[in-house]
């Protein structure tokens, strides 16, 4: 199948590449930030994965405590810390 290459297709491809790059850069930034979080900062947000409340440790599906918080909780905590830093 031959697609016409013109201004419209090149613009779509350019926007797509820019959009993907910005998402990857943001994801990389947040992942790096999660490694710098203290346990207190991580526990300052609820866990959307297991439902642990603020201040409570994450749980496994069996009900026992996890040794590490869920990844989504770390990402939420990193976003909350970053948002708080921007507001000050």
PDB file of N, CA and C in Angstrom:
ATOM      1  N   UNK A   1       0.850  -1.178   0.000  1.00  0.00           N
ATOM      2  CA  UNK A   1       0.000   0.000   0.000  1.00  0.00           C
ATOM      3  C   UNK A   1       0.889   1.232   0.000  1.00  0.00           C
ATOM      4  N   UNK A   2       0.674   2.091  -0.942  1.00  0.00           N
ATOM      5  CA  UNK A   2       1.449   3.327  -1.038  1.00  0.00           C
ATOM      6  C   UNK A   2       0.645   4.474  -0.453  1.00  0.00           C
ATOM      7  N   UNK A   3       1.192   5.087   0.559  1.00  0.00           N
ATOM      8  CA  UNK A   3       0.541   6.242   1.159  1.00  0.00           C
ATOM      9  C   UNK A   3       1.120   7.499   0.541  1.00  0.00           C
ATOM     10  N   UNK A   4       0.272   8.458   0.264  1.00  0.00           N
ATOM     11  CA  UNK A   4       0.796   9.703  -0.312  1.00  0.00           C
ATOM     12  C   UNK A   4       1.630  10.437   0.731  1.00  0.00           C
ATOM     13  N   UNK A   5       2.816  10.818   0.337  1.00  0.00           N
ATOM     14  CA  UNK A   5       3.686  11.582   1.221  1.00  0.00           C
ATOM     15  C   UNK A   5       3.532  13.049   0.855  1.00  0.00           C
ATOM     16  N   UNK A   6       2.996  13.775   1.734  1.00  0.00           N
ATOM     17  CA  UNK A   6       2.783  15.202   1.493  1.00  0.00           C
ATOM     18  C   UNK A   6       2.867  15.944   2.797  1.00  0.00           C
ATOM     19  N   UNK A   7       2.498  17.191   2.767  1.00  0.00           N
ATOM     20  CA  UNK A   7       2.581  18.001   3.986  1.00  0.00           C
ATOM     21  C   UNK A   7       1.756  17.424   5.134  1.00  0.00           C
ATOM     22  N   UNK A   8       0.595  16.874   4.840  1.00  0.00           N
ATOM     23  CA  UNK A   8      -0.259  16.383   5.925  1.00  0.00           C
ATOM     24  C   UNK A   8       0.367  15.177   6.624  1.00  0.00           C
ATOM     25  N   UNK A   9       0.936  14.224   5.867  1.00  0.00           N
ATOM     26  CA  UNK A   9       1.550  13.048   6.480  1.00  0.00           C
ATOM     27  C   UNK A   9       2.815  13.405   7.238  1.00  0.00           C
ATOM     28  N   UNK A  10       3.599  14.308   6.699  1.00  0.00           N
ATOM     29  CA  UNK A  10       4.837  14.673   7.398  1.00  0.00           C
ATOM     30  C   UNK A  10       4.525  15.403   8.700  1.00  0.00           C
ATOM     31  N   UNK A  11       3.476  16.199   8.712  1.00  0.00           N
ATOM     32  CA  UNK A  11       3.086  16.885   9.951  1.00  0.00           C
ATOM     33  C   UNK A  11       2.616  15.896  11.004  1.00  0.00           C
ATOM     34  N   UNK A  12       1.885  14.883  10.586  1.00  0.00           N
ATOM     35  CA  UNK A  12       1.413  13.864  11.530  1.00  0.00           C
ATOM     36  C   UNK A  12       2.601  13.134  12.137  1.00  0.00           C
ATOM     37  N   UNK A  13       3.555  12.763  11.298  1.00  0.00           N
ATOM     38  CA  UNK A  13       4.723  12.056  11.796  1.00  0.00           C
ATOM     39  C   UNK A  13       5.546  12.927  12.740  1.00  0.00           C
ATOM     40  N   UNK A  14       5.704  14.196  12.415  1.00  0.00           N
ATOM     41  CA  UNK A  14       6.467  15.095  13.289  1.00  0.00           C
ATOM     42  C   UNK A  14       5.773  15.253  14.634  1.00  0.00           C
ATOM     43  N   UNK A  15       4.475  15.443  14.637  1.00  0.00           N
ATOM     44  CA  UNK A  15       3.754  15.604  15.898  1.00  0.00           C
ATOM     45  C   UNK A  15       3.831  14.337  16.722  1.00  0.00           C
ATOM     46  N   UNK A  16       3.732  13.211  16.065  1.00  0.00           N
ATOM     47  CA  UNK A  16       3.796  11.943  16.772  1.00  0.00           C
ATOM     48  C   UNK A  16       5.144  11.762  17.459  1.00  0.00           C
ATOM     49  N   UNK A  17       6.232  12.048  16.761  1.00  0.00           N
ATOM     50  CA  UNK A  17       7.559  11.901  17.342  1.00  0.00           C
ATOM     51  C   UNK A  17       7.759  12.854  18.515  1.00  0.00           C
ATOM     52  N   UNK A  18       7.312  14.066  18.385  1.00  0.00           N
ATOM     53  CA  UNK A  18       7.464  15.041  19.466  1.00  0.00           C
ATOM     54  C   UNK A  18       6.659  14.596  20.685  1.00  0.00           C
ATOM     55  N   UNK A  19       5.436  14.146  20.452  1.00  0.00           N
ATOM     56  CA  UNK A  19       4.575  13.713  21.541  1.00  0.00           C
ATOM     57  C   UNK A  19       5.188  12.534  22.284  1.00  0.00           C
ATOM     58  N   UNK A  20       5.693  11.560  21.551  1.00  0.00           N
ATOM     59  CA  UNK A  20       6.306  10.396  22.188  1.00  0.00           C
ATOM     60  C   UNK A  20       7.546  10.784  22.970  1.00  0.00           C
ATOM     61  N   UNK A  21       8.351  11.657  22.421  1.00  0.00           N
ATOM     62  CA  UNK A  21       9.568  12.061  23.114  1.00  0.00           C
ATOM     63  C   UNK A  21       9.245  12.762  24.423  1.00  0.00           C
ATOM     64  N   UNK A  22       8.266  13.653  24.414  1.00  0.00           N
ATOM     65  CA  UNK A  22       7.951  14.391  25.642  1.00  0.00           C
ATOM     66  C   UNK A  22       7.413  13.447  26.715  1.00  0.00           C
ATOM     67  N   UNK A  23       6.644  12.449  26.325  1.00  0.00           N
ATOM     68  CA  UNK A  23       6.129  11.483  27.301  1.00  0.00           C
ATOM     69  C   UNK A  23       7.270  10.643  27.871  1.00  0.00           C
ATOM     70  N   UNK A  24       8.190  10.228  27.015  1.00  0.00           N
ATOM     71  CA  UNK A  24       9.326   9.442  27.502  1.00  0.00           C
ATOM     72  C   UNK A  24      10.205  10.268  28.427  1.00  0.00           C
ATOM     73  N   UNK A  25      10.429  11.522  28.078  1.00  0.00           N
ATOM     74  CA  UNK A  25      11.249  12.383  28.920  1.00  0.00           C
ATOM     75  C   UNK A  25      10.582  12.589  30.277  1.00  0.00           C
ATOM     76  N   UNK A  26       9.282  12.781  30.281  1.00  0.00           N
ATOM     77  CA  UNK A  26       8.547  12.957  31.534  1.00  0.00           C
ATOM     78  C   UNK A  26       8.602  11.685  32.368  1.00  0.00           C
ATOM     79  N   UNK A  27       8.401  10.546  31.722  1.00  0.00           N
ATOM     80  CA  UNK A  27       8.453   9.277  32.446  1.00  0.00           C
ATOM     81  C   UNK A  27       9.834   9.056  33.050  1.00  0.00           C
ATOM     82  N   UNK A  28      10.876   9.332  32.278  1.00  0.00           N
ATOM     83  CA  UNK A  28      12.239   9.176  32.781  1.00  0.00           C
ATOM     84  C   UNK A  28      12.461  10.085  33.987  1.00  0.00           C
ATOM     85  N   UNK A  29      12.009  11.327  33.898  1.00  0.00           N
ATOM     86  CA  UNK A  29      12.185  12.285  34.982  1.00  0.00           C
ATOM     87  C   UNK A  29      11.485  11.791  36.253  1.00  0.00           C
ATOM     88  N   UNK A  30      10.259  11.316  36.122  1.00  0.00           N
ATOM     89  CA  UNK A  30       9.496  10.847  37.284  1.00  0.00           C
ATOM     90  C   UNK A  30      10.139   9.602  37.876  1.00  0.00           C
ATOM     91  N   UNK A  31      10.613   8.689  37.029  1.00  0.00           N
ATOM     92  CA  UNK A  31      11.261   7.483  37.538  1.00  0.00           C
ATOM     93  C   UNK A  31      12.529   7.809  38.311  1.00  0.00           C
ATOM     94  N   UNK A  32      13.289   8.768  37.827  1.00  0.00           N
ATOM     95  CA  UNK A  32      14.499   9.179  38.534  1.00  0.00           C
ATOM     96  C   UNK A  32      14.114   9.811  39.864  1.00  0.00           C
ATOM     97  N   UNK A  33      13.074  10.611  39.871  1.00  0.00           N
ATOM     98  CA  UNK A  33      12.621  11.262  41.092  1.00  0.00           C
ATOM     99  C   UNK A  33      12.145  10.252  42.138  1.00  0.00           C
ATOM    100  N   UNK A  34      11.537   9.141  41.713  1.00  0.00           N
ATOM    101  CA  UNK A  34      11.030   8.176  42.686  1.00  0.00           C
ATOM    102  C   UNK A  34      12.158   7.549  43.484  1.00  0.00           C
ATOM    103  N   UNK A  35      13.348   7.481  42.918  1.00  0.00           N
ATOM    104  CA  UNK A  35      14.484   6.907  43.642  1.00  0.00           C
ATOM    105  C   UNK A  35      14.977   7.845  44.740  1.00  0.00           C
ATOM    106  N   UNK A  36      14.615   9.122  44.651  1.00  0.00           N
ATOM    107  CA  UNK A  36      15.066  10.116  45.619  1.00  0.00           C
ATOM    108  C   UNK A  36      14.054  10.342  46.741  1.00  0.00           C
ATOM    109  N   UNK A  37      12.924   9.654  46.709  1.00  0.00           N
ATOM    110  CA  UNK A  37      11.874   9.865  47.702  1.00  0.00           C
ATOM    111  C   UNK A  37      12.204   9.179  49.022  1.00  0.00           C
ATOM    112  N   UNK A  38      11.804   9.822  50.108  1.00  0.00           N
ATOM    113  CA  UNK A  38      11.946   9.219  51.429  1.00  0.00           C
ATOM    114  C   UNK A  38      10.720   8.335  51.689  1.00  0.00           C
ATOM    115  N   UNK A  39      10.833   7.387  52.602  1.00  0.00           N
ATOM    116  CA  UNK A  39       9.653   6.571  52.943  1.00  0.00           C
ATOM    117  C   UNK A  39       8.472   7.432  53.406  1.00  0.00           C
ATOM    118  N   UNK A  40       8.748   8.501  54.114  1.00  0.00           N
ATOM    119  CA  UNK A  40       7.686   9.396  54.590  1.00  0.00           C
ATOM    120  C   UNK A  40       6.946  10.029  53.408  1.00  0.00           C
ATOM    121  N   UNK A  41       7.693  10.435  52.366  1.00  0.00           N
ATOM    122  CA  UNK A  41       7.070  11.030  51.186  1.00  0.00           C
ATOM    123  C   UNK A  41       6.221  10.004  50.441  1.00  0.00           C
ATOM    124  N   UNK A  42       6.704   8.782  50.350  1.00  0.00           N
ATOM    125  CA  UNK A  42       5.955   7.739  49.642  1.00  0.00           C
ATOM    126  C   UNK A  42       4.659   7.422  50.384  1.00  0.00           C
ATOM    127  N   UNK A  43       4.718   7.373  51.707  1.00  0.00           N
ATOM    128  CA  UNK A  43       3.526   7.054  52.489  1.00  0.00           C
ATOM    129  C   UNK A  43       2.576   8.241  52.632  1.00  0.00           C
ATOM    130  N   UNK A  44       2.944   9.389  52.062  1.00  0.00           N
ATOM    131  CA  UNK A  44       2.093  10.578  52.163  1.00  0.00           C
ATOM    132  C   UNK A  44       0.941  10.560  51.162  1.00  0.00           C
ATOM    133  N   UNK A  45       0.904   9.547  50.295  1.00  0.00           N
ATOM    134  CA  UNK A  45      -0.192   9.408  49.331  1.00  0.00           C
ATOM    135  C   UNK A  45      -0.797   8.012  49.482  1.00  0.00           C
ATOM    136  N   UNK A  46      -2.086   7.869  49.179  1.00  0.00           N
ATOM    137  CA  UNK A  46      -2.682   6.528  49.237  1.00  0.00           C
ATOM    138  C   UNK A  46      -2.219   5.685  48.052  1.00  0.00           C
ATOM    139  N   UNK A  47      -2.269   4.387  48.198  1.00  0.00           N
ATOM    140  CA  UNK A  47      -1.878   3.476  47.119  1.00  0.00           C
ATOM    141  C   UNK A  47      -3.108   3.128  46.297  1.00  0.00           C
ATOM    142  N   UNK A  48      -3.044   3.418  45.008  1.00  0.00           N
ATOM    143  CA  UNK A  48      -4.169   3.102  44.122  1.00  0.00           C
ATOM    144  C   UNK A  48      -4.194   1.626  43.745  1.00  0.00           C
ATOM    145  N   UNK A  49      -3.095   0.914  43.944  1.00  0.00           N
ATOM    146  CA  UNK A  49      -3.022  -0.497  43.567  1.00  0.00           C
ATOM    147  C   UNK A  49      -3.668  -1.398  44.616  1.00  0.00           C
ATOM    148  N   UNK A  50      -3.247  -1.251  45.867  1.00  0.00           N
ATOM    149  CA  UNK A  50      -3.764  -2.143  46.919  1.00  0.00           C
ATOM    150  C   UNK A  50      -4.763  -1.457  47.842  1.00  0.00           C
ATOM    151  N   UNK A  51      -4.894  -0.145  47.724  1.00  0.00           N
ATOM    152  CA  UNK A  51      -5.852   0.573  48.550  1.00  0.00           C
ATOM    153  C   UNK A  51      -5.346   0.972  49.923  1.00  0.00           C
ATOM    154  N   UNK A  52      -4.033   0.864  50.153  1.00  0.00           N
ATOM    155  CA  UNK A  52      -3.474   1.265  51.447  1.00  0.00           C
ATOM    156  C   UNK A  52      -3.677   2.768  51.643  1.00  0.00           C
ATOM    157  N   UNK A  53      -4.091   3.135  52.832  1.00  0.00           N
ATOM    158  CA  UNK A  53      -4.345   4.537  53.136  1.00  0.00           C
ATOM    159  C   UNK A  53      -3.038   5.282  53.363  1.00  0.00           C
ATOM    160  N   UNK A  54      -3.136   6.585  53.461  1.00  0.00           N
ATOM    161  CA  UNK A  54      -1.975   7.425  53.758  1.00  0.00           C
ATOM    162  C   UNK A  54      -1.377   6.956  55.081  1.00  0.00           C
ATOM    163  N   UNK A  55      -0.071   6.755  55.088  1.00  0.00           N
ATOM    164  CA  UNK A  55       0.626   6.323  56.289  1.00  0.00           C
ATOM    165  C   UNK A  55       0.691   4.815  56.486  1.00  0.00           C
ATOM    166  N   UNK A  56      -0.058   4.053  55.708  1.00  0.00           N
ATOM    167  CA  UNK A  56      -0.048   2.598  55.814  1.00  0.00           C
ATOM    168  C   UNK A  56       0.840   1.992  54.735  1.00  0.00           C
ATOM    169  N   UNK A  57       1.473   0.872  55.054  1.00  0.00           N
ATOM    170  CA  UNK A  57       2.317   0.178  54.085  1.00  0.00           C
ATOM    171  C   UNK A  57       1.451  -0.546  53.057  1.00  0.00           C
ATOM    172  N   UNK A  58       2.000  -0.750  51.877  1.00  0.00           N
ATOM    173  CA  UNK A  58       1.311  -1.508  50.829  1.00  0.00           C
ATOM    174  C   UNK A  58       1.235  -2.982  51.218  1.00  0.00           C
ATOM    175  N   UNK A  59       0.213  -3.649  50.699  1.00  0.00           N
ATOM    176  CA  UNK A  59       0.001  -5.057  51.010  1.00  0.00           C
ATOM    177  C   UNK A  59       0.045  -5.907  49.744  1.00  0.00           C
ATOM    178  N   UNK A  60       0.406  -7.158  49.928  1.00  0.00           N
ATOM    179  CA  UNK A  60       0.295  -8.144  48.865  1.00  0.00           C
ATOM    180  C   UNK A  60      -1.159  -8.580  48.774  1.00  0.00           C
ATOM    181  N   UNK A  61      -1.533  -9.268  47.711  1.00  0.00           N
ATOM    182  CA  UNK A  61      -2.914  -9.729  47.581  1.00  0.00           C
ATOM    183  C   UNK A  61      -3.301 -10.731  48.667  1.00  0.00           C
ATOM    184  N   UNK A  62      -2.300 -11.312  49.347  1.00  0.00           N
ATOM    185  CA  UNK A  62      -2.572 -12.242  50.450  1.00  0.00           C
ATOM    186  C   UNK A  62      -2.840 -11.517  51.766  1.00  0.00           C
ATOM    187  N   UNK A  63      -2.582 -10.201  51.793  1.00  0.00           N
ATOM    188  CA  UNK A  63      -2.805  -9.423  53.006  1.00  0.00           C
ATOM    189  C   UNK A  63      -1.542  -9.136  53.795  1.00  0.00           C
ATOM    190  N   UNK A  64      -0.437  -9.779  53.457  1.00  0.00           N
ATOM    191  CA  UNK A  64       0.819  -9.499  54.161  1.00  0.00           C
ATOM    192  C   UNK A  64       1.450  -8.231  53.597  1.00  0.00           C
ATOM    193  N   UNK A  65       2.285  -7.596  54.391  1.00  0.00           N
ATOM    194  CA  UNK A  65       2.893  -6.337  53.982  1.00  0.00           C
ATOM    195  C   UNK A  65       3.955  -6.554  52.910  1.00  0.00           C
ATOM    196  N   UNK A  66       4.027  -5.637  51.978  1.00  0.00           N
ATOM    197  CA  UNK A  66       5.057  -5.670  50.941  1.00  0.00           C
ATOM    198  C   UNK A  66       6.349  -5.074  51.492  1.00  0.00           C
ATOM    199  N   UNK A  67       7.469  -5.512  50.955  1.00  0.00           N
ATOM    200  CA  UNK A  67       8.753  -4.936  51.367  1.00  0.00           C
ATOM    201  C   UNK A  67       8.992  -3.605  50.677  1.00  0.00           C
ATOM    202  N   UNK A  68       8.383  -3.396  49.528  1.00  0.00           N
ATOM    203  CA  UNK A  68       8.493  -2.144  48.763  1.00  0.00           C
ATOM    204  C   UNK A  68       7.091  -1.642  48.444  1.00  0.00           C
ATOM    205  N   UNK A  69       6.903  -0.328  48.419  1.00  0.00           N
ATOM    206  CA  UNK A  69       5.600   0.195  47.985  1.00  0.00           C
ATOM    207  C   UNK A  69       5.377  -0.112  46.502  1.00  0.00           C
ATOM    208  N   UNK A  70       4.123  -0.124  46.078  1.00  0.00           N
ATOM    209  CA  UNK A  70       3.810  -0.333  44.674  1.00  0.00           C
ATOM    210  C   UNK A  70       4.393   0.802  43.822  1.00  0.00           C
ATOM    211  N   UNK A  71       4.726   0.475  42.591  1.00  0.00           N
ATOM    212  CA  UNK A  71       5.323   1.453  41.678  1.00  0.00           C
ATOM    213  C   UNK A  71       4.401   2.651  41.460  1.00  0.00           C
ATOM    214  N   UNK A  72       3.102   2.408  41.301  1.00  0.00           N
ATOM    215  CA  UNK A  72       2.169   3.505  41.083  1.00  0.00           C
ATOM    216  C   UNK A  72       2.120   4.452  42.281  1.00  0.00           C
ATOM    217  N   UNK A  73       2.291   3.916  43.471  1.00  0.00           N
ATOM    218  CA  UNK A  73       2.299   4.771  44.666  1.00  0.00           C
ATOM    219  C   UNK A  73       3.545   5.660  44.662  1.00  0.00           C
ATOM    220  N   UNK A  74       4.674   5.089  44.263  1.00  0.00           N
ATOM    221  CA  UNK A  74       5.904   5.885  44.175  1.00  0.00           C
ATOM    222  C   UNK A  74       5.754   6.992  43.145  1.00  0.00           C
ATOM    223  N   UNK A  75       5.146   6.662  42.002  1.00  0.00           N
ATOM    224  CA  UNK A  75       4.951   7.670  40.963  1.00  0.00           C
ATOM    225  C   UNK A  75       3.999   8.768  41.433  1.00  0.00           C
ATOM    226  N   UNK A  76       2.938   8.384  42.120  1.00  0.00           N
ATOM    227  CA  UNK A  76       1.997   9.374  42.663  1.00  0.00           C
ATOM    228  C   UNK A  76       2.683  10.268  43.679  1.00  0.00           C
ATOM    229  N   UNK A  77       3.527   9.683  44.512  1.00  0.00           N
ATOM    230  CA  UNK A  77       4.248  10.461  45.520  1.00  0.00           C
ATOM    231  C   UNK A  77       5.216  11.428  44.848  1.00  0.00           C
ATOM    232  N   UNK A  78       5.907  10.977  43.802  1.00  0.00           N
ATOM    233  CA  UNK A  78       6.840  11.851  43.088  1.00  0.00           C
ATOM    234  C   UNK A  78       6.103  13.020  42.452  1.00  0.00           C
ATOM    235  N   UNK A  79       4.938  12.754  41.875  1.00  0.00           N
ATOM    236  CA  UNK A  79       4.136  13.820  41.280  1.00  0.00           C
ATOM    237  C   UNK A  79       3.654  14.800  42.349  1.00  0.00           C
ATOM    238  N   UNK A  80       3.241  14.287  43.516  1.00  0.00           N
ATOM    239  CA  UNK A  80       2.765  15.156  44.599  1.00  0.00           C
ATOM    240  C   UNK A  80       3.889  16.033  45.126  1.00  0.00           C
ATOM    241  N   UNK A  81       5.078  15.462  45.285  1.00  0.00           N
ATOM    242  CA  UNK A  81       6.223  16.234  45.775  1.00  0.00           C
ATOM    243  C   UNK A  81       6.587  17.315  44.752  1.00  0.00           C
ATOM    244  N   UNK A  82       6.578  16.948  43.473  1.00  0.00           N
ATOM    245  CA  UNK A  82       6.913  17.911  42.418  1.00  0.00           C
ATOM    246  C   UNK A  82       5.872  19.032  42.359  1.00  0.00           C
ATOM    247  N   UNK A  83       4.600  18.678  42.494  1.00  0.00           N
ATOM    248  CA  UNK A  83       3.524  19.677  42.475  1.00  0.00           C
ATOM    249  C   UNK A  83       3.681  20.631  43.662  1.00  0.00           C
ATOM    250  N   UNK A  84       3.995  20.077  44.817  1.00  0.00           N
ATOM    251  CA  UNK A  84       4.175  20.899  46.013  1.00  0.00           C
ATOM    252  C   UNK A  84       5.370  21.853  45.844  1.00  0.00           C
ATOM    253  N   UNK A  85       6.427  21.371  45.234  1.00  0.00           N
ATOM    254  CA  UNK A  85       7.615  22.202  45.013  1.00  0.00           C
ATOM    255  C   UNK A  85       7.297  23.340  44.047  1.00  0.00           C
ATOM    256  N   UNK A  86       6.483  23.079  43.022  1.00  0.00           N
ATOM    257  CA  UNK A  86       6.115  24.119  42.059  1.00  0.00           C
ATOM    258  C   UNK A  86       5.223  25.186  42.692  1.00  0.00           C
ATOM    259  N   UNK A  87       4.402  24.794  43.662  1.00  0.00           N
ATOM    260  CA  UNK A  87       3.473  25.739  44.281  1.00  0.00           C
ATOM    261  C   UNK A  87       4.172  26.664  45.271  1.00  0.00           C
ATOM    262  N   UNK A  88       5.345  26.297  45.731  1.00  0.00           N
ATOM    263  CA  UNK A  88       6.043  27.144  46.726  1.00  0.00           C
ATOM    264  C   UNK A  88       6.854  28.214  46.080  1.00  0.00           C
TER     265      UNK A  88
END
